[in-house]
C-alpha atoms as a PDB file:
ATOM      1  CA  MET A   1      21.923  99.663  96.676  1.00  0.00           C
ATOM      2  CA  ILE A   2      21.257  97.756  99.812  1.00  0.00           C
ATOM      3  CA  GLU A   3      24.650  96.705 101.653  1.00  0.00           C
ATOM      4  CA  PRO A   4      25.174  93.105 102.021  1.00  0.00           C
ATOM      5  CA  GLU A   5      25.518  93.555 105.963  1.00  0.00           C
ATOM      6  CA  THR A   6      22.104  95.466 105.858  1.00  0.00           C
ATOM      7  CA  THR A   7      20.393  92.598 103.882  1.00  0.00           C
ATOM      8  CA  SER A   8      21.835  89.932 106.410  1.00  0.00           C
ATOM      9  CA  LYS A   9      20.296  91.930 109.330  1.00  0.00           C
ATOM     10  CA  ILE A  10      16.877  91.877 107.667  1.00  0.00           C
ATOM     11  CA  ALA A  11      16.992  88.318 106.754  1.00  0.00           C
ATOM     12  CA  ARG A  12      17.637  87.422 110.573  1.00  0.00           C
ATOM     13  CA  LEU A  13      14.361  88.847 111.274  1.00  0.00           C
ATOM     14  CA  ARG A  14      12.216  87.029 108.796  1.00  0.00           C
ATOM     15  CA  PRO A  15      10.697  83.552 109.582  1.00  0.00           C
ATOM     16  CA  TYR A  16      11.645  82.259 105.952  1.00  0.00           C
ATOM     17  CA  LEU A  17      14.817  82.521 104.126  1.00  0.00           C
ATOM     18  CA  SER A  18      15.655  82.152 100.507  1.00  0.00           C
ATOM     19  CA  VAL A  19      18.020  79.280  99.340  1.00  0.00           C
ATOM     20  CA  HIS A  20      20.684  81.896  98.948  1.00  0.00           C
ATOM     21  CA  GLU A  21      19.938  83.267 102.407  1.00  0.00           C
ATOM     22  CA  ALA A  22      20.000  79.743 104.194  1.00  0.00           C
ATOM     23  CA  ALA A  23      23.016  78.557 102.270  1.00  0.00           C
ATOM     24  CA  GLU A  24      25.016  81.471 103.775  1.00  0.00           C
ATOM     25  CA  LEU A  25      23.683  80.927 107.161  1.00  0.00           C
ATOM     26  CA  LEU A  26      24.784  77.228 106.721  1.00  0.00           C
ATOM     27  CA  ARG A  27      27.976  78.457 105.021  1.00  0.00           C
ATOM     28  CA  THR A  28      27.451  76.023 102.179  1.00  0.00           C
ATOM     29  CA  THR A  29      26.707  76.657  98.487  1.00  0.00           C
ATOM     30  CA  ARG A  30      23.283  76.812  96.981  1.00  0.00           C
ATOM     31  CA  ARG A  31      23.745  73.696  94.729  1.00  0.00           C
ATOM     32  CA  ALA A  32      24.549  71.718  98.021  1.00  0.00           C
ATOM     33  CA  LEU A  33      21.557  73.059  99.642  1.00  0.00           C
ATOM     34  CA  TYR A  34      19.401  72.249  96.651  1.00  0.00           C
ATOM     35  CA  SER A  35      21.024  68.803  96.746  1.00  0.00           C
ATOM     36  CA  LEU A  36      19.682  68.421 100.545  1.00  0.00           C
ATOM     37  CA  ILE A  37      16.279  69.483  99.569  1.00  0.00           C
ATOM     38  CA  GLU A  38      15.781  67.101  96.686  1.00  0.00           C
ATOM     39  CA  ARG A  39      17.033  63.994  99.018  1.00  0.00           C
ATOM     40  CA  GLY A  40      14.216  65.349 101.490  1.00  0.00           C
ATOM     41  CA  GLN A  41      17.041  65.806 104.345  1.00  0.00           C
ATOM     42  CA  LEU A  42      15.415  69.071 105.363  1.00  0.00           C
ATOM     43  CA  GLY A  43      12.223  67.742 105.905  1.00  0.00           C
ATOM     44  CA  LYS A  44       9.512  70.155 107.308  1.00  0.00           C
ATOM     45  CA  ALA A  45      11.801  73.222 106.910  1.00  0.00           C
ATOM     46  CA  VAL A  46      11.299  73.246 103.069  1.00  0.00           C
ATOM     47  CA  LEU A  47       8.137  75.285 101.660  1.00  0.00           C
ATOM     48  CA  ARG A  48       7.417  75.387  98.109  1.00  0.00           C
ATOM     49  CA  LEU A  49       5.590  78.178  96.550  1.00  0.00           C
ATOM     50  CA  GLY A  50       5.178  77.110  92.768  1.00  0.00           C
ATOM     51  CA  ARG A  51       8.763  77.352  91.480  1.00  0.00           C
ATOM     52  CA  ARG A  52       9.895  79.150  94.550  1.00  0.00           C
ATOM     53  CA  ILE A  53      11.608  77.315  97.376  1.00  0.00           C
ATOM     54  CA  LEU A  54      11.619  79.273 101.020  1.00  0.00           C
ATOM     55  CA  ILE A  55      13.264  77.573 104.013  1.00  0.00           C
ATOM     56  CA  LYS A  56      11.550  77.941 107.620  1.00  0.00           C
ATOM     57  CA  ARG A  57      14.030  79.406 109.803  1.00  0.00           C
ATOM     58  CA  LYS A  58      12.771  77.906 112.912  1.00  0.00           C
ATOM     59  CA  GLU A  59      12.533  74.469 111.284  1.00  0.00           C
ATOM     60  CA  LEU A  60      16.142  74.774 109.960  1.00  0.00           C
ATOM     61  CA  THR A  61      17.733  75.927 113.108  1.00  0.00           C
ATOM     62  CA  ALA A  62      15.891  73.091 115.014  1.00  0.00           C
ATOM     63  CA  LEU A  63      17.100  70.384 112.811  1.00  0.00           C
ATOM     64  CA  LEU A  64      20.638  71.885 113.015  1.00  0.00           C
ATOM     65  CA  GLU A  65      20.307  71.763 116.880  1.00  0.00           C
ATOM     66  CA  LYS A  66      19.249  68.125 116.642  1.00  0.00           C
ATOM     67  CA  ASN A  67      22.142  66.855 114.193  1.00  0.00           C
ATOM     68  CA  ARG A  68      24.588  68.830 116.880  1.00  0.00           C
ATOM     69  CA  GLU A  69      23.575  66.412 119.489  1.00  0.00           C
END
């Protein structure tokens, strides 16, 4: 089994995050993140592949930086 710390290191290198990984990064729940997605508040950061939802890391960090200002 892969240790959580190792999984986090791998996730940092990938350009797309799962909803679970993005929620961890944002320090929120998956439910809260799904709510943001449904309301369209993540904009271009969301990539839907059938039923699967991926979050673009670059777009998410840019959105966070913009909201920080």
